[in-house]
Amino acid sequence: MAVLRTAEMLTQEQAVEIRILARQGESIRQISRRTGLSRNTVRRYLRDGAAQRYGPRAPRPCKLDPYLEHLQARIAQARPDWIPATVLLRELHELGYSGGISQLKAYLAPFKQPLPEPVIRFETAPGQQLQVDFTTVRRGRSRLLAFVATLGFSRATFVRFATREDFPAWREGLLAAFEYFGGVPWEVLFDNAKPVVIERDLYGPGRHRWHPGMLDLAQHCGFKLRLCRPYRARTKGKVERFNGYLKGSFLVPLMASLRAGGLALDTDLANREVRRWLDTVANRRLHGTTGIEPCRRLPEDQARLLPLPQELTRQVPVMPARTATTALPVESLQHPLSVYQSLLEAAA
């Protein structure tokens, strides 16, 4: 015969079990039989609300608590965009936060929109392909666009901001990218933009009517023109993915800080800041697909690039390859708060 215990001797587990069985419609007799407790004990527990003795524990102090106001302010400043957790973690560390990214992500989760559908990519050999695109940063009178060029093998990327998307803007972006990487890829993959191609398949499948300026540029520099499939911009998955990273990790935090000071981002400021960000952050991050920093793989791309035309020898710095002994932090990849503060002070 089981030893029956009084209500005063209930453990928390027994109290929870009684409460669950009662909600499931079990009778006092059935609960008594299942738990091994006397019917009087079960009855007394249910009648007196003994479960209240096992109330929720007091919440533990969280290292993130002193910084919640800052987080809410940054979320509000960035709307409708989103500042990644890695950026916010860097900012909190500068403010004195000593915790990790897990509690930060858990706090941010209810405020974040669902992630976009993942992009499927196809790998290319070193030096073979450069994927290029124009992405819109800001519409309206003060229009701001970004020309983005990503090498297919290393994922090293170049960005140049502009206010237009005509052929001269495409040409300037391509030439600046070639100078930045130190050579010309064997082929450049474009979207179906009018400054690139006037009419697809005009002379047969895959035989397009190219913009004459773009055709001349390709012949002069030595690269092959390629188009992604119609209505399938994600064929350029490498550069498309970087567009999202550029906006979330560079533009959104920078514009949020400027907006807080009543300022706006222009092309001069954007181009000045993005060059440093590319050299010290974007091209030195651990890439999500390759698992290697783009700057580590860049020399393999550069070894297979075609030489630059002689007239493209302006004083544009080429990103140096990072040596294996250089120690760089990977847990936080963004601008320090002091950079944004200096921008606000300079513009004041």
Protein backbone atom coordinates (compact mmCIF):
# COMPACT_ATOMS: atom_id res chain seq x y z
CA MET A 1 0.00 0.00 0.00
CA ALA A 2 1.40 3.41 -1.02
CA VAL A 3 2.36 5.83 1.70
CA LEU A 4 -0.07 8.77 1.56
CA ARG A 5 1.27 12.25 2.11
CA THR A 6 -0.49 15.36 3.35
CA ALA A 7 -0.96 18.52 1.30
CA GLU A 8 1.80 20.22 3.32
CA MET A 9 4.33 17.72 1.94
CA LEU A 10 3.55 18.25 -1.75
CA THR A 11 6.47 18.86 -4.05
CA GLN A 12 6.20 21.37 -6.87
CA GLU A 13 6.10 18.53 -9.39
CA GLN A 14 3.15 16.91 -7.59
CA ALA A 15 1.30 20.22 -7.41
CA VAL A 16 1.73 20.74 -11.16
CA GLU A 17 0.60 17.17 -11.87
CA ILE A 18 -2.56 17.61 -9.78
CA ARG A 19 -3.39 20.86 -11.54
CA ILE A 20 -2.89 19.33 -15.00
CA LEU A 21 -4.96 16.22 -14.23
CA ALA A 22 -7.78 18.37 -12.84
CA ARG A 23 -7.82 20.50 -16.00
CA GLN A 24 -8.01 17.30 -18.05
CA GLY A 25 -11.23 16.37 -16.27
CA GLU A 26 -9.88 13.69 -13.95
CA SER A 27 -11.90 13.09 -10.75
CA ILE A 28 -10.35 13.42 -7.29
CA ARG A 29 -10.36 9.63 -7.00
CA GLN A 30 -8.55 9.23 -10.33
CA ILE A 31 -6.00 11.91 -9.40
CA SER A 32 -5.41 10.21 -6.06
CA ARG A 33 -4.83 6.89 -7.76
CA ARG A 34 -2.42 8.37 -10.34
CA THR A 35 -0.36 10.41 -7.88
CA GLY A 36 -0.41 8.13 -4.87
CA LEU A 37 -1.79 10.95 -2.69
CA SER A 38 -4.85 10.67 -0.47
CA ARG A 39 -8.15 11.98 -1.78
CA ASN A 40 -8.30 14.43 1.15
CA THR A 41 -4.89 15.83 0.18
CA VAL A 42 -5.93 16.26 -3.46
CA ARG A 43 -9.27 17.77 -2.42
CA ARG A 44 -7.63 20.16 0.04
CA TYR A 45 -5.04 21.23 -2.54
CA LEU A 46 -7.65 21.96 -5.20
CA ARG A 47 -9.96 23.72 -2.71
CA ASP A 48 -7.37 25.92 -1.01
CA GLY A 49 -5.44 26.80 -4.17
CA ALA A 50 -2.24 25.36 -2.79
CA ALA A 51 -0.64 25.91 -6.19
CA GLN A 52 -0.26 29.55 -5.27
CA ARG A 53 2.52 28.51 -2.90
CA TYR A 54 4.54 27.68 -5.97
CA GLY A 55 4.21 31.03 -7.70
CA PRO A 56 6.60 32.21 -10.40
CA ARG A 57 10.11 33.02 -9.36
CA ALA A 58 11.16 36.63 -9.29
CA PRO A 59 12.83 37.49 -12.59
CA ARG A 60 16.58 37.53 -12.46
CA PRO A 61 18.33 40.79 -13.25
CA CYS A 62 19.39 40.85 -16.91
CA LYS A 63 22.58 42.47 -18.15
CA LEU A 64 20.58 43.91 -21.01
CA ASP A 65 18.09 45.81 -18.79
CA PRO A 66 20.07 49.10 -18.55
CA TYR A 67 20.28 49.29 -22.35
CA LEU A 68 16.67 48.62 -23.33
CA GLU A 69 15.94 52.32 -23.79
CA HIS A 70 18.89 52.61 -26.20
CA LEU A 71 17.69 49.56 -28.15
CA GLN A 72 14.15 50.88 -28.45
CA ALA A 73 15.48 54.23 -29.65
CA ARG A 74 17.63 52.55 -32.32
CA ILE A 75 14.73 50.36 -33.47
CA ALA A 76 12.52 53.43 -33.78
CA GLN A 77 15.21 55.47 -35.58
CA ALA A 78 15.74 52.74 -38.18
CA ARG A 79 12.10 52.03 -39.02
CA PRO A 80 10.94 50.77 -41.47
CA ASP A 81 14.41 49.19 -41.82
CA TRP A 82 16.22 47.01 -39.32
CA ILE A 83 19.63 47.26 -37.65
CA PRO A 84 21.21 43.77 -37.32
CA ALA A 85 21.99 42.36 -33.89
CA THR A 86 25.73 42.38 -34.65
CA VAL A 87 25.60 46.15 -35.12
CA LEU A 88 23.61 46.72 -31.95
CA LEU A 89 25.92 44.41 -30.00
CA ARG A 90 28.91 46.53 -31.01
CA GLU A 91 27.11 49.68 -29.89
CA LEU A 92 26.09 48.16 -26.55
CA HIS A 93 29.63 46.97 -25.85
CA GLU A 94 30.83 50.55 -26.31
CA LEU A 95 28.19 51.65 -23.81
CA GLY A 96 29.39 49.12 -21.23
CA TYR A 97 27.24 46.04 -21.94
CA SER A 98 29.11 42.90 -20.88
CA GLY A 99 26.62 40.27 -22.05
CA GLY A 100 26.54 38.21 -25.22
CA ILE A 101 24.50 38.26 -28.39
CA SER A 102 22.06 35.49 -27.36
CA GLN A 103 20.06 37.58 -24.90
CA LEU A 104 20.16 40.48 -27.33
CA LYS A 105 18.72 38.37 -30.14
CA ALA A 106 16.05 36.97 -27.81
CA TYR A 107 14.98 40.50 -26.87
CA LEU A 108 14.98 41.74 -30.48
CA ALA A 109 13.09 38.76 -31.94
CA PRO A 110 9.53 40.07 -31.29
CA PHE A 111 10.37 43.37 -33.01
CA LYS A 112 11.97 41.90 -36.13
CA GLN A 113 10.25 41.14 -39.43
CA PRO A 114 10.62 37.65 -40.97
CA LEU A 115 13.80 37.09 -42.99
CA PRO A 116 13.52 37.01 -46.80
CA GLU A 117 13.60 33.75 -48.71
CA PRO A 118 17.16 32.38 -49.01
CA VAL A 119 19.02 32.85 -52.29
CA ILE A 120 20.52 29.94 -54.23
CA ARG A 121 24.03 30.62 -55.60
CA PHE A 122 26.26 29.00 -58.18
CA GLU A 123 30.02 28.95 -57.70
CA THR A 124 32.46 30.30 -60.31
CA ALA A 125 36.22 29.94 -60.76
CA PRO A 126 38.64 32.64 -59.55
CA GLY A 127 38.62 35.73 -61.75
CA GLN A 128 35.81 34.40 -63.91
CA GLN A 129 32.77 36.47 -62.99
CA LEU A 130 31.78 39.82 -61.55
CA GLN A 131 28.11 40.31 -60.64
CA VAL A 132 26.89 43.91 -60.77
CA ASP A 133 23.69 45.69 -59.86
CA PHE A 134 22.18 49.04 -58.97
CA THR A 135 20.11 49.11 -55.78
CA THR A 136 17.86 51.95 -54.68
CA VAL A 137 18.69 53.52 -51.32
CA ARG A 138 16.37 56.53 -51.41
CA ARG A 139 13.71 57.69 -53.88
CA GLY A 140 12.30 61.12 -54.60
CA ARG A 141 14.06 64.42 -55.19
CA SER A 142 17.15 63.46 -53.21
CA ARG A 143 17.50 60.14 -54.99
CA LEU A 144 20.36 57.91 -53.86
CA LEU A 145 21.48 54.71 -55.58
CA ALA A 146 24.30 52.27 -55.00
CA PHE A 147 26.30 50.50 -57.70
CA VAL A 148 27.38 47.15 -56.23
CA ALA A 149 29.93 44.78 -57.78
CA THR A 150 30.79 41.38 -56.25
CA LEU A 151 33.46 38.97 -57.45
CA GLY A 152 31.90 35.52 -57.76
CA PHE A 153 34.73 33.50 -56.25
CA SER A 154 36.02 35.60 -53.34
CA ARG A 155 32.79 37.57 -52.69
CA ALA A 156 34.96 40.70 -52.41
CA THR A 157 32.68 43.64 -53.14
CA PHE A 158 32.93 47.24 -54.31
CA VAL A 159 30.25 49.91 -53.80
CA ARG A 160 29.88 53.34 -55.38
CA PHE A 161 26.96 55.66 -54.63
CA ALA A 162 25.33 57.79 -57.32
CA THR A 163 22.20 59.81 -58.04
CA ARG A 164 21.45 58.30 -61.45
CA GLU A 165 21.41 54.93 -63.24
CA ASP A 166 22.16 55.86 -66.85
CA PHE A 167 24.96 54.42 -68.95
CA PRO A 168 27.61 56.90 -67.71
CA ALA A 169 26.80 55.83 -64.14
CA TRP A 170 27.16 52.14 -65.11
CA ARG A 171 30.45 52.89 -66.89
CA GLU A 172 31.87 54.88 -63.96
CA GLY A 173 30.86 52.15 -61.52
CA LEU A 174 32.45 49.37 -63.58
CA LEU A 175 35.71 51.23 -64.14
CA ALA A 176 35.96 52.13 -60.45
CA ALA A 177 35.30 48.49 -59.52
CA PHE A 178 38.03 47.25 -61.89
CA GLU A 179 40.47 49.69 -60.30
CA TYR A 180 39.42 48.66 -56.79
CA PHE A 181 39.97 44.96 -57.50
CA GLY A 182 43.13 45.55 -59.54
CA GLY A 183 41.97 43.91 -62.76
CA VAL A 184 39.12 42.98 -65.10
CA PRO A 185 37.08 39.76 -64.75
CA TRP A 186 36.54 37.47 -67.71
CA GLU A 187 32.79 38.13 -67.66
CA VAL A 188 30.36 40.56 -66.04
CA LEU A 189 26.82 39.43 -65.17
CA PHE A 190 24.15 42.12 -65.48
CA ASP A 191 20.45 42.50 -64.87
CA ASN A 192 18.27 43.39 -67.86
CA ALA A 193 18.72 47.17 -67.54
CA LYS A 194 18.30 49.49 -70.54
CA PRO A 195 21.75 51.10 -70.11
CA VAL A 196 23.15 47.59 -70.55
CA VAL A 197 20.96 45.82 -73.12
CA ILE A 198 18.48 47.45 -75.48
CA GLU A 199 16.71 44.26 -76.60
CA ARG A 200 17.19 40.64 -75.55
CA ASP A 201 17.51 37.86 -78.12
CA LEU A 202 17.07 40.29 -81.03
CA TYR A 203 19.39 38.30 -83.26
CA GLY A 204 18.46 34.89 -81.86
CA PRO A 205 18.59 33.09 -78.47
CA GLY A 206 21.35 34.59 -76.38
CA ARG A 207 22.26 37.12 -79.10
CA HIS A 208 21.22 40.46 -77.66
CA ARG A 209 21.29 44.02 -78.88
CA TRP A 210 23.63 45.61 -76.37
CA HIS A 211 23.83 49.28 -75.51
CA PRO A 212 26.58 50.53 -77.86
CA GLY A 213 28.47 52.23 -75.03
CA MET A 214 28.45 49.06 -72.94
CA LEU A 215 29.54 46.98 -75.93
CA ASP A 216 32.46 49.34 -76.57
CA LEU A 217 33.46 49.24 -72.90
CA ALA A 218 33.42 45.42 -72.86
CA GLN A 219 35.53 45.23 -76.01
CA HIS A 220 37.99 47.80 -74.73
CA CYS A 221 38.44 46.20 -71.28
CA GLY A 222 38.23 42.62 -72.50
CA PHE A 223 35.29 41.23 -70.48
CA LYS A 224 32.34 39.22 -71.80
CA LEU A 225 28.81 40.58 -71.36
CA ARG A 226 26.31 38.23 -69.74
CA LEU A 227 22.67 38.69 -68.72
CA CYS A 228 20.72 36.96 -65.99
CA ARG A 229 17.48 35.28 -66.99
CA PRO A 230 14.44 37.55 -67.43
CA TYR A 231 12.49 38.15 -64.21
CA ARG A 232 15.13 36.15 -62.35
CA ALA A 233 17.30 38.82 -60.75
CA ARG A 234 18.32 36.22 -58.17
CA THR A 235 20.49 34.63 -60.83
CA LYS A 236 22.86 37.30 -59.51
CA GLY A 237 22.52 35.81 -56.04
CA LYS A 238 25.93 36.91 -54.76
CA VAL A 239 25.44 40.60 -55.46
CA GLU A 240 21.73 40.50 -54.53
CA ARG A 241 22.58 39.07 -51.12
CA PHE A 242 25.20 41.77 -50.57
CA ASN A 243 22.63 44.47 -51.36
CA GLY A 244 20.70 43.43 -48.28
CA TYR A 245 23.86 43.31 -46.18
CA LEU A 246 24.89 46.78 -47.39
CA LYS A 247 21.56 48.28 -46.40
CA GLY A 248 21.24 46.51 -43.07
CA SER A 249 24.81 46.72 -41.83
CA PHE A 250 26.03 49.99 -43.32
CA LEU A 251 23.22 52.25 -44.53
CA VAL A 252 20.54 51.68 -41.90
CA PRO A 253 22.71 52.36 -38.82
CA LEU A 254 24.43 55.32 -40.51
CA MET A 255 21.18 56.89 -41.72
CA ALA A 256 19.51 56.28 -38.37
CA SER A 257 22.28 58.17 -36.59
CA LEU A 258 22.16 61.03 -39.10
CA ARG A 259 18.36 61.16 -38.90
CA ALA A 260 18.56 61.50 -35.13
CA GLY A 261 20.59 64.67 -35.70
CA GLY A 262 18.23 66.01 -38.36
CA LEU A 263 20.72 65.25 -41.17
CA ALA A 264 20.50 63.37 -44.48
CA LEU A 265 22.96 61.12 -46.29
CA ASP A 266 24.42 62.42 -49.57
CA THR A 267 26.64 60.78 -52.18
CA ASP A 268 29.89 62.40 -51.03
CA LEU A 269 29.47 61.29 -47.43
CA ALA A 270 28.23 57.84 -48.49
CA ASN A 271 31.18 57.22 -50.82
CA ARG A 272 33.69 58.42 -48.26
CA GLU A 273 32.30 56.19 -45.53
CA VAL A 274 31.59 53.12 -47.64
CA ARG A 275 35.19 52.83 -48.88
CA ARG A 276 36.50 52.56 -45.32
CA TRP A 277 33.65 50.18 -44.41
CA LEU A 278 34.47 47.91 -47.37
CA ASP A 279 38.16 47.77 -46.48
CA THR A 280 37.78 47.26 -42.74
CA VAL A 281 34.41 45.53 -42.35
CA ALA A 282 32.57 44.07 -45.34
CA ASN A 283 35.49 42.47 -47.14
CA ARG A 284 36.99 41.24 -43.86
CA ARG A 285 33.91 39.58 -42.41
CA LEU A 286 33.47 35.80 -42.29
CA HIS A 287 31.29 35.19 -45.32
CA GLY A 288 28.16 33.20 -44.57
CA THR A 289 28.50 30.91 -47.60
CA THR A 290 32.25 30.40 -48.02
CA GLY A 291 33.12 30.65 -44.30
CA ILE A 292 36.19 32.68 -45.31
CA GLU A 293 36.85 36.41 -45.32
CA PRO A 294 36.54 37.78 -48.90
CA CYS A 295 39.94 39.51 -48.55
CA ARG A 296 41.59 36.11 -47.96
CA ARG A 297 40.22 34.71 -51.23
CA LEU A 298 40.71 37.93 -53.20
CA PRO A 299 44.35 37.15 -54.21
CA GLU A 300 43.09 34.04 -56.03
CA ASP A 301 40.65 36.21 -57.95
CA GLN A 302 43.30 38.84 -58.66
CA ALA A 303 45.73 36.23 -60.01
CA ARG A 304 43.23 35.38 -62.77
CA LEU A 305 41.93 38.89 -63.55
CA LEU A 306 42.77 40.50 -66.87
CA PRO A 307 45.10 43.52 -66.65
CA LEU A 308 43.60 46.99 -66.43
CA PRO A 309 43.69 49.15 -69.58
CA GLN A 310 46.56 51.60 -69.35
CA GLU A 311 44.34 54.67 -69.11
CA LEU A 312 42.65 53.29 -65.99
CA THR A 313 45.55 54.19 -63.73
CA ARG A 314 43.98 56.91 -61.60
CA GLN A 315 44.95 57.09 -57.96
CA VAL A 316 42.31 54.71 -56.60
CA PRO A 317 43.53 52.46 -53.76
CA VAL A 318 43.23 48.71 -54.25
CA MET A 319 42.21 46.69 -51.21
CA PRO A 320 45.29 44.90 -49.85
CA ALA A 321 44.99 41.20 -49.11
CA ARG A 322 44.92 40.44 -45.44
CA THR A 323 47.67 38.22 -44.12
CA ALA A 324 46.86 35.16 -42.06
CA THR A 325 48.61 36.62 -39.01
CA THR A 326 46.50 39.78 -38.85
CA ALA A 327 44.12 39.59 -35.89
CA LEU A 328 40.73 41.15 -36.55
CA PRO A 329 37.59 40.80 -34.44
CA VAL A 330 34.78 38.82 -36.04
CA GLU A 331 32.14 39.11 -33.36
CA SER A 332 31.32 42.71 -34.25
CA LEU A 333 31.71 44.02 -37.74
CA GLN A 334 30.36 47.54 -37.79
CA HIS A 335 31.24 51.17 -37.23
CA PRO A 336 31.93 52.27 -33.64
CA LEU A 337 29.55 54.86 -32.24
CA SER A 338 32.34 57.42 -32.33
CA VAL A 339 32.23 57.37 -36.15
CA TYR A 340 28.57 58.34 -36.24
CA GLN A 341 29.12 60.96 -33.57
CA SER A 342 31.95 62.52 -35.57
CA LEU A 343 29.69 62.65 -38.63
CA LEU A 344 27.01 64.44 -36.67
CA GLU A 345 29.51 66.91 -35.28
CA ALA A 346 31.05 67.55 -38.71
CA ALA A 347 27.67 68.20 -40.28
CA ALA A 348 26.49 70.45 -37.42
